[in-house]
Amino acid sequence: MKLPVHIQFHGMERSDALANCAREHAYKLESFANDIMTCRVSIDLEQKHKSQGRPFSVRIDLTLPGIELVVNRVRHEDANTALREAFDNMRRQLEDVVRKRRGQVKQHAVPPHGEEPGK
């Protein structure tokens, strides 16, 4: 990665274990795209919810040349699970971008001349 991973904690004390876990996940994303410019991770401990306790919320902003990817709706009562699910979502988005860059997007078959599509 050209720049280090930026990790922020909101509503909770900084956790070195969570920060290291986030860094490891971020560095694994480089295997899909080595031109990642920045990765910002925000881990929030939300206010108590009446039926779910205090869930953790994770937001990831990933910047590639000309593209910014965001994952921001991952919540779970366990911080490690929320972090893992957020990075899984980011990995899927990143794989889609890389596929499009390579031209590996599925193309629809063109029907023979004179035929209507779907027949």
C-alpha atoms as a PDB file:
ATOM      1  CA  MET A   1       0.000   0.000   0.000  1.00  0.00           C
ATOM      2  CA  LYS A   2       1.338   3.431  -0.834  1.00  0.00           C
ATOM      3  CA  LEU A   3       0.058   4.951   2.414  1.00  0.00           C
ATOM      4  CA  PRO A   4      -0.486   3.323   5.813  1.00  0.00           C
ATOM      5  CA  VAL A   5      -3.865   2.103   7.021  1.00  0.00           C
ATOM      6  CA  HIS A   6      -5.667   4.774   9.069  1.00  0.00           C
ATOM      7  CA  ILE A   7      -7.692   3.308  11.932  1.00  0.00           C
ATOM      8  CA  GLN A   8     -10.045   5.347  14.111  1.00  0.00           C
ATOM      9  CA  PHE A   9     -12.036   4.339  17.164  1.00  0.00           C
ATOM     10  CA  HIS A  10     -15.189   6.201  18.238  1.00  0.00           C
ATOM     11  CA  GLY A  11     -17.115   5.705  21.472  1.00  0.00           C
ATOM     12  CA  MET A  12     -14.517   3.295  22.825  1.00  0.00           C
ATOM     13  CA  GLU A  13     -10.889   3.018  23.900  1.00  0.00           C
ATOM     14  CA  ARG A  14      -8.310   2.219  21.242  1.00  0.00           C
ATOM     15  CA  SER A  15      -7.692  -1.528  20.990  1.00  0.00           C
ATOM     16  CA  ASP A  16      -4.303  -2.651  19.672  1.00  0.00           C
ATOM     17  CA  ALA A  17      -5.714  -6.117  18.951  1.00  0.00           C
ATOM     18  CA  LEU A  18      -8.535  -4.685  16.787  1.00  0.00           C
ATOM     19  CA  ALA A  19      -6.137  -2.268  15.091  1.00  0.00           C
ATOM     20  CA  ASN A  20      -3.738  -5.112  14.217  1.00  0.00           C
ATOM     21  CA  CYS A  21      -6.625  -7.233  12.936  1.00  0.00           C
ATOM     22  CA  ALA A  22      -7.803  -4.351  10.728  1.00  0.00           C
ATOM     23  CA  ARG A  23      -4.266  -3.857   9.370  1.00  0.00           C
ATOM     24  CA  GLU A  24      -3.943  -7.562   8.529  1.00  0.00           C
ATOM     25  CA  HIS A  25      -7.265  -7.533   6.667  1.00  0.00           C
ATOM     26  CA  ALA A  26      -6.266  -4.366   4.801  1.00  0.00           C
ATOM     27  CA  TYR A  27      -2.923  -5.783   3.705  1.00  0.00           C
ATOM     28  CA  LYS A  28      -4.674  -8.908   2.377  1.00  0.00           C
ATOM     29  CA  LEU A  29      -6.664  -6.658   0.028  1.00  0.00           C
ATOM     30  CA  GLU A  30      -3.393  -5.841  -1.744  1.00  0.00           C
ATOM     31  CA  SER A  31      -3.397  -9.334  -3.228  1.00  0.00           C
ATOM     32  CA  PHE A  32      -6.431  -8.255  -5.298  1.00  0.00           C
ATOM     33  CA  ALA A  33      -5.220  -4.769  -6.271  1.00  0.00           C
ATOM     34  CA  ASN A  34      -1.694  -3.568  -5.611  1.00  0.00           C
ATOM     35  CA  ASP A  35      -2.479   0.057  -6.487  1.00  0.00           C
ATOM     36  CA  ILE A  36      -4.490   0.795  -3.332  1.00  0.00           C
ATOM     37  CA  MET A  37      -3.636   4.329  -2.279  1.00  0.00           C
ATOM     38  CA  THR A  38      -5.381   4.653   1.093  1.00  0.00           C
ATOM     39  CA  CYS A  39      -7.451   2.569   3.447  1.00  0.00           C
ATOM     40  CA  ARG A  40      -9.375   4.225   6.276  1.00  0.00           C
ATOM     41  CA  VAL A  41     -11.128   2.073   8.877  1.00  0.00           C
ATOM     42  CA  SER A  42     -13.529   3.476  11.450  1.00  0.00           C
ATOM     43  CA  ILE A  43     -14.718   1.281  14.340  1.00  0.00           C
ATOM     44  CA  ASP A  44     -17.583   2.714  16.382  1.00  0.00           C
ATOM     45  CA  LEU A  45     -19.240   1.471  19.528  1.00  0.00           C
ATOM     46  CA  GLU A  46     -22.791   2.665  19.036  1.00  0.00           C
ATOM     47  CA  GLN A  47     -25.179   3.782  21.742  1.00  0.00           C
ATOM     48  CA  LYS A  48     -27.154   1.072  23.462  1.00  0.00           C
ATOM     49  CA  HIS A  49     -29.981  -0.288  21.309  1.00  0.00           C
ATOM     50  CA  LYS A  50     -33.105  -1.369  23.169  1.00  0.00           C
ATOM     51  CA  SER A  51     -33.048  -4.928  21.813  1.00  0.00           C
ATOM     52  CA  GLN A  52     -29.491  -5.529  20.607  1.00  0.00           C
ATOM     53  CA  GLY A  53     -27.205  -4.198  23.317  1.00  0.00           C
ATOM     54  CA  ARG A  54     -24.296  -2.064  22.070  1.00  0.00           C
ATOM     55  CA  PRO A  55     -23.362  -3.069  18.529  1.00  0.00           C
ATOM     56  CA  PHE A  56     -20.069  -2.227  16.868  1.00  0.00           C
ATOM     57  CA  SER A  57     -20.222  -0.490  13.517  1.00  0.00           C
ATOM     58  CA  VAL A  58     -17.401  -0.615  10.947  1.00  0.00           C
ATOM     59  CA  ARG A  59     -16.849   1.699   7.983  1.00  0.00           C
ATOM     60  CA  ILE A  60     -14.086   1.200   5.413  1.00  0.00           C
ATOM     61  CA  ASP A  61     -13.045   3.766   2.796  1.00  0.00           C
ATOM     62  CA  LEU A  62     -10.636   2.414   0.183  1.00  0.00           C
ATOM     63  CA  THR A  63      -9.100   4.611  -2.508  1.00  0.00           C
ATOM     64  CA  LEU A  64      -7.729   3.393  -5.830  1.00  0.00           C
ATOM     65  CA  PRO A  65      -6.652   5.687  -8.667  1.00  0.00           C
ATOM     66  CA  GLY A  66      -9.905   7.263  -9.847  1.00  0.00           C
ATOM     67  CA  ILE A  67     -12.143   5.099  -7.626  1.00  0.00           C
ATOM     68  CA  GLU A  68     -13.299   5.236  -4.014  1.00  0.00           C
ATOM     69  CA  LEU A  69     -14.981   2.198  -2.486  1.00  0.00           C
ATOM     70  CA  VAL A  70     -16.999   2.395   0.726  1.00  0.00           C
ATOM     71  CA  VAL A  71     -18.447  -0.199   3.087  1.00  0.00           C
ATOM     72  CA  ASN A  72     -20.476   1.437   5.828  1.00  0.00           C
ATOM     73  CA  ARG A  73     -23.404  -0.648   6.987  1.00  0.00           C
ATOM     74  CA  VAL A  74     -21.810  -3.459   8.928  1.00  0.00           C
ATOM     75  CA  ARG A  75     -22.996  -3.845  12.520  1.00  0.00           C
ATOM     76  CA  HIS A  76     -22.518  -6.671  14.971  1.00  0.00           C
ATOM     77  CA  GLU A  77     -22.324  -7.152  18.745  1.00  0.00           C
ATOM     78  CA  ASP A  78     -18.819  -8.611  18.338  1.00  0.00           C
ATOM     79  CA  ALA A  79     -16.193  -6.156  17.052  1.00  0.00           C
ATOM     80  CA  ASN A  80     -14.092  -8.856  15.344  1.00  0.00           C
ATOM     81  CA  THR A  81     -17.122 -10.210  13.498  1.00  0.00           C
ATOM     82  CA  ALA A  82     -18.153  -6.725  12.356  1.00  0.00           C
ATOM     83  CA  LEU A  83     -14.585  -6.083  11.148  1.00  0.00           C
ATOM     84  CA  ARG A  84     -14.387  -9.394   9.278  1.00  0.00           C
ATOM     85  CA  GLU A  85     -17.769  -8.881   7.581  1.00  0.00           C
ATOM     86  CA  ALA A  86     -16.843  -5.341   6.550  1.00  0.00           C
ATOM     87  CA  PHE A  87     -13.575  -6.494   4.973  1.00  0.00           C
ATOM     88  CA  ASP A  88     -15.372  -9.390   3.245  1.00  0.00           C
ATOM     89  CA  ASN A  89     -17.759  -6.852   1.682  1.00  0.00           C
ATOM     90  CA  MET A  90     -14.828  -4.655   0.641  1.00  0.00           C
ATOM     91  CA  ARG A  91     -13.025  -7.635  -0.888  1.00  0.00           C
ATOM     92  CA  ARG A  92     -16.086  -8.411  -3.035  1.00  0.00           C
ATOM     93  CA  GLN A  93     -16.299  -4.796  -4.206  1.00  0.00           C
ATOM     94  CA  LEU A  94     -12.589  -4.759  -4.983  1.00  0.00           C
ATOM     95  CA  GLU A  95     -12.827  -8.024  -6.939  1.00  0.00           C
ATOM     96  CA  ASP A  96     -15.633  -6.505  -9.052  1.00  0.00           C
ATOM     97  CA  VAL A  97     -13.527  -3.429  -9.817  1.00  0.00           C
ATOM     98  CA  VAL A  98     -10.524  -5.550 -10.784  1.00  0.00           C
ATOM     99  CA  ARG A  99     -12.709  -7.749 -13.026  1.00  0.00           C
ATOM    100  CA  LYS A 100     -14.079  -4.676 -14.804  1.00  0.00           C
ATOM    101  CA  ARG A 101     -10.578  -3.299 -15.275  1.00  0.00           C
ATOM    102  CA  ARG A 102      -9.481  -6.542 -16.904  1.00  0.00           C
ATOM    103  CA  GLY A 103     -12.546  -6.644 -19.132  1.00  0.00           C
ATOM    104  CA  GLN A 104     -13.804  -9.845 -17.552  1.00  0.00           C
ATOM    105  CA  VAL A 105     -17.338  -8.586 -17.113  1.00  0.00           C
ATOM    106  CA  LYS A 106     -19.906 -11.076 -18.391  1.00  0.00           C
ATOM    107  CA  GLN A 107     -21.140 -10.065 -21.828  1.00  0.00           C
ATOM    108  CA  HIS A 108     -24.670 -10.827 -22.991  1.00  0.00           C
ATOM    109  CA  ALA A 109     -24.952 -12.843 -26.181  1.00  0.00           C
ATOM    110  CA  VAL A 110     -26.041 -10.874 -29.200  1.00  0.00           C
ATOM    111  CA  PRO A 111     -29.010 -12.564 -30.936  1.00  0.00           C
ATOM    112  CA  PRO A 112     -28.589 -13.463 -34.610  1.00  0.00           C
ATOM    113  CA  HIS A 113     -29.733 -10.822 -37.067  1.00  0.00           C
ATOM    114  CA  GLY A 114     -33.504 -10.643 -37.402  1.00  0.00           C
ATOM    115  CA  GLU A 115     -34.372 -12.460 -34.166  1.00  0.00           C
ATOM    116  CA  GLU A 116     -35.809 -10.835 -31.087  1.00  0.00           C
ATOM    117  CA  PRO A 117     -33.989 -11.253 -27.793  1.00  0.00           C
ATOM    118  CA  GLY A 118     -35.433 -13.973 -25.571  1.00  0.00           C
ATOM    119  CA  LYS A 119     -36.750 -16.169 -28.417  1.00  0.00           C
END
